[in-house]
Amino acid sequence: MGERLALGQWVDQAVNFVIQNDGGSLERLGSGIGTLTEGLEIGLGAVPVWAVTAVWVVLGLWRVGWAFALFCLASCLVIHDMGFWSQTMITLALIISATLISLLIGLPLGIWVARNDRVAALVRPTLDFMQTMPAFVYLIPAAMLFGLGRVPGVLATVIFAMPPVVRLTSLGIRQVNKEQVEAGITFGCTPAQVLFKVQIPGALPSIMAGINQTIMMSLSMVIIASMVGAGGLGNDVLASIQRLDIGLGFESGLAVVLLAIMLDRITETFGSTVPKRSLKDRWRLLIRPAK
């Protein structure tokens, strides 16, 4: 039997080559991501609890309804009273950072995939690899390249969470009615006008579904990223495992669940084709229910 394939050794050599020959680009990239995430953490941490709670309640009332607004209020109170408010804000900052970077890369890439079959043939297997590789594996090269802290956690989260927005953006654009696209071309629209005035509006529900899934996958990954020092609620989850502390595990897990429900229910409504009542109408229904 011949020698085994030394694929892992080749990957190690490639990572070491990047570390030794990056020319300072990794440091600049890490500094930019670290500054973004730290700024979000400081900003969210500086906002009073009542103000953040009010934002959740207003969003819940506007996008879902008064019952969900009450759920948002109760969730914020529970998270605060359990003592996990600051950790939740750190986790939220990590999610926002990872989601912004994922969308900045994923949305243009999804549009490119939808409009170019050759690019699609190359990108789709890559997305399959990104989605099926165990999430823990991404932490190893990220930690080797950027050390411990927020930056490797955010970058590993971006790799893990970006595929849904790429796939669903591409799918949504490809499924836009061809007659609408042809009509736009007939009336003299340029390719850019067809994209922004016909295809993207038609694909918006699918695109928003991809954004929703990216946000949810970011939340799941930033919890795992606590293993490389990303911080937030993941630290408490990890500590509960290390100490076999069932109470801490349940409380920190509950905070994650409540945050996930609020993010999911609110963001999924932006991709709905069902018209929503205005915030003023919802408030009127809340204080004066319809007969």
Protein backbone atom coordinates (compact mmCIF):
# COMPACT_ATOMS: atom_id res chain seq x y z
CA MET A 1 0.00 0.00 0.00
CA GLY A 2 1.37 3.38 -0.97
CA GLU A 3 1.92 6.39 1.22
CA ARG A 4 -1.17 8.24 2.37
CA LEU A 5 -2.13 11.55 0.78
CA ALA A 6 -0.38 14.33 2.71
CA LEU A 7 -3.22 16.82 2.20
CA GLY A 8 -3.13 18.12 5.76
CA GLN A 9 0.61 18.78 5.48
CA TRP A 10 0.05 20.77 2.28
CA VAL A 11 -2.60 22.88 4.00
CA ASP A 12 -0.22 23.55 6.91
CA GLN A 13 2.48 24.63 4.48
CA ALA A 14 0.05 26.93 2.64
CA VAL A 15 -1.04 28.62 5.88
CA ASN A 16 2.57 29.04 7.02
CA PHE A 17 3.47 30.49 3.62
CA VAL A 18 0.68 33.06 3.93
CA ILE A 19 1.81 33.99 7.45
CA GLN A 20 5.41 34.50 6.33
CA ASN A 21 4.65 36.37 3.08
CA ASP A 22 1.48 38.36 3.70
CA GLY A 23 3.32 41.69 3.64
CA GLY A 24 1.31 43.12 6.52
CA SER A 25 -2.05 42.68 4.77
CA LEU A 26 -3.30 40.26 7.44
CA GLU A 27 -2.45 42.76 10.15
CA ARG A 28 -4.32 45.53 8.35
CA LEU A 29 -7.32 43.25 7.74
CA GLY A 30 -7.38 42.15 11.36
CA SER A 31 -7.03 45.74 12.56
CA GLY A 32 -9.98 46.85 10.44
CA ILE A 33 -12.24 44.03 11.60
CA GLY A 34 -11.14 44.50 15.20
CA THR A 35 -11.87 48.23 15.06
CA LEU A 36 -15.34 47.63 13.58
CA THR A 37 -16.26 45.01 16.15
CA GLU A 38 -14.81 46.91 19.10
CA GLY A 39 -16.64 50.06 18.01
CA LEU A 40 -19.94 48.19 17.85
CA GLU A 41 -19.31 46.63 21.27
CA ILE A 42 -18.54 50.00 22.84
CA GLY A 43 -21.52 51.63 21.12
CA LEU A 44 -24.02 48.96 22.15
CA GLY A 45 -22.57 48.84 25.65
CA ALA A 46 -22.96 52.60 26.04
CA VAL A 47 -26.67 52.59 25.15
CA PRO A 48 -28.90 52.31 28.23
CA VAL A 49 -30.76 49.06 28.75
CA TRP A 50 -34.13 50.79 28.49
CA ALA A 51 -33.22 52.33 25.11
CA VAL A 52 -32.14 49.01 23.58
CA THR A 53 -35.26 47.37 24.99
CA ALA A 54 -37.42 50.13 23.49
CA VAL A 55 -35.84 49.54 20.07
CA TRP A 56 -36.63 45.81 20.24
CA VAL A 57 -40.19 46.51 21.35
CA VAL A 58 -40.79 49.07 18.59
CA LEU A 59 -39.33 46.76 15.94
CA GLY A 60 -41.43 43.88 17.25
CA LEU A 61 -44.59 45.98 17.19
CA TRP A 62 -43.88 47.36 13.73
CA ARG A 63 -42.79 44.16 11.97
CA VAL A 64 -44.73 41.41 13.77
CA GLY A 65 -47.39 42.67 16.17
CA TRP A 66 -48.19 43.67 19.71
CA ALA A 67 -47.91 40.11 21.10
CA PHE A 68 -44.35 39.78 19.80
CA ALA A 69 -43.55 43.28 21.10
CA LEU A 70 -44.50 42.07 24.57
CA PHE A 71 -42.31 39.00 24.01
CA CYS A 72 -39.37 41.29 23.13
CA LEU A 73 -39.97 43.30 26.30
CA ALA A 74 -40.10 40.15 28.43
CA SER A 75 -36.99 38.72 26.74
CA CYS A 76 -34.93 41.85 27.37
CA LEU A 77 -36.03 41.92 31.02
CA VAL A 78 -35.18 38.23 31.48
CA ILE A 79 -31.73 38.63 29.88
CA HIS A 80 -31.00 41.68 32.05
CA ASP A 81 -32.25 40.13 35.27
CA MET A 82 -30.18 36.97 34.68
CA GLY A 83 -27.08 39.18 34.44
CA PHE A 84 -26.24 38.50 30.80
CA TRP A 85 -26.99 41.90 29.29
CA SER A 86 -23.40 42.98 28.63
CA GLN A 87 -22.51 39.56 27.18
CA THR A 88 -25.59 39.73 24.95
CA MET A 89 -24.53 43.12 23.60
CA ILE A 90 -21.05 41.75 22.83
CA THR A 91 -22.63 38.79 21.04
CA LEU A 92 -24.90 41.16 19.10
CA ALA A 93 -21.89 43.25 18.07
CA LEU A 94 -20.11 40.13 16.81
CA ILE A 95 -23.22 39.10 14.85
CA ILE A 96 -23.58 42.55 13.27
CA SER A 97 -19.89 42.64 12.31
CA ALA A 98 -19.92 39.17 10.77
CA THR A 99 -23.22 39.80 8.99
CA LEU A 100 -22.07 43.11 7.51
CA ILE A 101 -18.89 41.53 6.14
CA SER A 102 -20.83 38.50 4.86
CA LEU A 103 -23.31 40.73 3.03
CA LEU A 104 -20.58 42.99 1.67
CA ILE A 105 -18.98 39.95 0.01
CA GLY A 106 -21.99 37.66 -0.43
CA LEU A 107 -24.51 39.95 -2.15
CA PRO A 108 -22.23 41.00 -5.06
CA LEU A 109 -20.98 37.42 -5.34
CA GLY A 110 -24.54 36.10 -5.48
CA ILE A 111 -25.40 38.58 -8.25
CA TRP A 112 -22.28 37.55 -10.17
CA VAL A 113 -23.15 33.85 -9.79
CA ALA A 114 -26.69 34.51 -11.07
CA ARG A 115 -25.43 36.32 -14.17
CA ASN A 116 -22.46 34.12 -15.10
CA ASP A 117 -22.71 30.33 -15.43
CA ARG A 118 -18.94 29.83 -15.39
CA VAL A 119 -18.63 31.68 -12.09
CA ALA A 120 -21.56 29.63 -10.76
CA ALA A 121 -19.80 26.38 -11.69
CA LEU A 122 -16.77 27.48 -9.67
CA VAL A 123 -18.52 29.08 -6.69
CA ARG A 124 -21.18 26.45 -5.96
CA PRO A 125 -18.73 23.66 -5.02
CA THR A 126 -16.87 26.18 -2.88
CA LEU A 127 -20.10 27.03 -1.06
CA ASP A 128 -20.77 23.31 -0.58
CA PHE A 129 -17.35 22.99 1.04
CA MET A 130 -17.93 26.03 3.27
CA GLN A 131 -21.30 24.74 4.48
CA THR A 132 -20.35 21.11 5.10
CA MET A 133 -16.95 21.57 6.75
CA PRO A 134 -17.36 21.28 10.56
CA ALA A 135 -17.57 24.74 12.06
CA PHE A 136 -14.80 24.09 14.60
CA VAL A 137 -12.27 23.56 11.79
CA TYR A 138 -12.53 27.20 10.68
CA LEU A 139 -11.27 28.35 14.07
CA ILE A 140 -7.85 26.70 13.59
CA PRO A 141 -6.51 28.67 10.58
CA ALA A 142 -8.27 31.83 11.78
CA ALA A 143 -6.49 31.60 15.14
CA MET A 144 -3.15 30.81 13.44
CA LEU A 145 -3.44 33.83 11.14
CA PHE A 146 -4.89 36.38 13.57
CA GLY A 147 -4.22 35.04 17.08
CA LEU A 148 -6.92 34.87 19.73
CA GLY A 149 -9.75 37.36 20.18
CA ARG A 150 -12.59 38.91 18.24
CA VAL A 151 -10.97 38.91 14.79
CA PRO A 152 -10.57 35.15 14.23
CA GLY A 153 -14.05 34.61 15.66
CA VAL A 154 -15.60 37.09 13.23
CA LEU A 155 -13.69 35.75 10.22
CA ALA A 156 -14.58 32.13 11.01
CA THR A 157 -18.19 33.26 11.37
CA VAL A 158 -18.10 34.99 7.98
CA ILE A 159 -16.87 31.82 6.25
CA PHE A 160 -19.52 29.74 7.97
CA ALA A 161 -22.45 32.16 7.53
CA MET A 162 -21.91 33.62 4.05
CA PRO A 163 -23.14 30.73 1.79
CA PRO A 164 -26.91 31.20 2.39
CA VAL A 165 -26.95 34.81 1.19
CA VAL A 166 -24.90 33.90 -1.90
CA ARG A 167 -27.11 30.94 -2.79
CA LEU A 168 -30.45 32.65 -2.19
CA THR A 169 -29.42 35.87 -3.94
CA SER A 170 -28.40 33.87 -6.99
CA LEU A 171 -31.54 31.74 -6.85
CA GLY A 172 -33.84 34.74 -6.47
CA ILE A 173 -32.34 36.59 -9.44
CA ARG A 174 -32.43 33.50 -11.65
CA GLN A 175 -36.10 32.94 -10.81
CA VAL A 176 -37.23 36.44 -11.76
CA ASN A 177 -39.81 36.26 -14.55
CA LYS A 178 -37.96 36.28 -17.86
CA GLU A 179 -40.77 38.25 -19.48
CA GLN A 180 -40.17 41.11 -17.04
CA VAL A 181 -36.45 41.08 -17.84
CA GLU A 182 -37.14 41.03 -21.58
CA ALA A 183 -39.63 43.89 -21.19
CA GLY A 184 -36.99 45.96 -19.41
CA ILE A 185 -34.49 45.29 -22.19
CA THR A 186 -37.13 46.10 -24.84
CA PHE A 187 -37.77 49.50 -23.24
CA GLY A 188 -34.09 50.34 -23.45
CA CYS A 189 -32.82 49.51 -19.97
CA THR A 190 -29.09 49.00 -19.60
CA PRO A 191 -27.89 45.78 -17.90
CA ALA A 192 -27.38 47.74 -14.66
CA GLN A 193 -30.90 49.16 -14.84
CA VAL A 194 -32.34 45.70 -15.50
CA LEU A 195 -30.47 44.41 -12.46
CA PHE A 196 -31.43 47.17 -10.02
CA LYS A 197 -34.93 47.99 -11.29
CA VAL A 198 -36.21 44.56 -12.35
CA GLN A 199 -34.18 41.62 -11.06
CA ILE A 200 -33.26 42.73 -7.54
CA PRO A 201 -36.79 43.97 -6.68
CA GLY A 202 -38.23 40.71 -8.01
CA ALA A 203 -35.68 38.66 -6.08
CA LEU A 204 -36.01 40.67 -2.84
CA PRO A 205 -37.97 38.02 -0.85
CA SER A 206 -35.32 35.41 -1.65
CA ILE A 207 -32.48 37.83 -0.91
CA MET A 208 -33.99 38.76 2.46
CA ALA A 209 -34.44 35.07 3.29
CA GLY A 210 -30.72 34.64 2.62
CA ILE A 211 -29.88 37.58 4.88
CA ASN A 212 -32.08 36.10 7.62
CA GLN A 213 -30.30 32.75 7.38
CA THR A 214 -26.90 34.44 7.40
CA ILE A 215 -27.82 36.28 10.60
CA MET A 216 -28.98 33.05 12.28
CA MET A 217 -25.88 31.14 11.22
CA SER A 218 -23.73 34.01 12.48
CA LEU A 219 -25.39 33.70 15.87
CA SER A 220 -24.72 29.97 16.05
CA MET A 221 -21.08 30.42 15.01
CA VAL A 222 -20.19 33.30 17.34
CA ILE A 223 -21.14 31.04 20.26
CA ILE A 224 -18.64 28.45 19.01
CA ALA A 225 -16.08 31.22 18.38
CA SER A 226 -15.77 31.72 22.13
CA MET A 227 -13.21 28.90 21.94
CA VAL A 228 -10.77 31.38 20.37
CA GLY A 229 -11.62 34.22 22.72
CA ALA A 230 -14.37 36.01 20.76
CA GLY A 231 -16.29 36.71 23.97
CA GLY A 232 -19.98 37.24 24.58
CA LEU A 233 -22.51 34.62 25.60
CA GLY A 234 -20.29 31.93 24.14
CA ASN A 235 -17.87 32.41 27.04
CA ASP A 236 -20.63 31.54 29.51
CA VAL A 237 -21.73 28.53 27.46
CA LEU A 238 -18.13 27.31 27.28
CA ALA A 239 -17.59 27.91 31.01
CA SER A 240 -20.72 25.90 31.83
CA ILE A 241 -19.35 22.96 29.83
CA GLN A 242 -15.92 23.15 31.43
CA ARG A 243 -17.39 23.33 34.97
CA LEU A 244 -20.36 21.04 34.29
CA ASP A 245 -22.53 23.88 35.61
CA ILE A 246 -26.07 23.02 34.49
CA GLY A 247 -27.57 26.24 35.86
CA LEU A 248 -25.12 28.52 34.06
CA GLY A 249 -25.53 26.47 30.88
CA PHE A 250 -29.32 26.79 30.99
CA GLU A 251 -29.28 30.54 31.71
CA SER A 252 -26.70 31.40 29.04
CA GLY A 253 -28.41 29.07 26.58
CA LEU A 254 -31.76 30.73 27.29
CA ALA A 255 -30.24 34.16 26.59
CA VAL A 256 -28.98 32.84 23.24
CA VAL A 257 -32.41 31.40 22.41
CA LEU A 258 -34.25 34.63 23.25
CA LEU A 259 -31.82 36.70 21.16
CA ALA A 260 -32.15 34.24 18.28
CA ILE A 261 -35.96 34.35 18.33
CA MET A 262 -36.03 38.15 18.30
CA LEU A 263 -33.53 38.38 15.46
CA ASP A 264 -35.22 35.65 13.43
CA ARG A 265 -38.81 36.79 13.75
CA ILE A 266 -38.02 40.43 12.98
CA THR A 267 -35.62 39.90 10.06
CA GLU A 268 -37.77 37.27 8.35
CA THR A 269 -40.62 39.78 7.95
CA PHE A 270 -38.52 41.97 5.65
CA GLY A 271 -38.67 39.26 3.00
CA SER A 272 -42.42 38.78 3.25
CA THR A 273 -44.59 39.74 0.30
CA VAL A 274 -47.60 40.24 2.61
CA PRO A 275 -48.19 43.96 3.20
CA LYS A 276 -47.58 45.08 6.78
CA ARG A 277 -49.57 47.58 8.80
CA SER A 278 -47.78 50.80 9.61
CA LEU A 279 -46.41 51.34 13.10
CA LYS A 280 -49.14 53.95 13.68
CA ASP A 281 -51.87 51.42 12.76
CA ARG A 282 -50.38 48.77 15.05
CA TRP A 283 -50.21 51.25 17.92
CA ARG A 284 -53.85 52.16 17.39
CA LEU A 285 -54.82 48.50 17.46
CA LEU A 286 -52.84 48.05 20.66
CA ILE A 287 -54.54 50.87 22.55
CA ARG A 288 -57.94 50.45 20.84
CA PRO A 289 -58.47 46.87 19.60
CA ALA A 290 -60.71 46.46 16.57
CA LYS A 291 -64.24 45.18 17.26
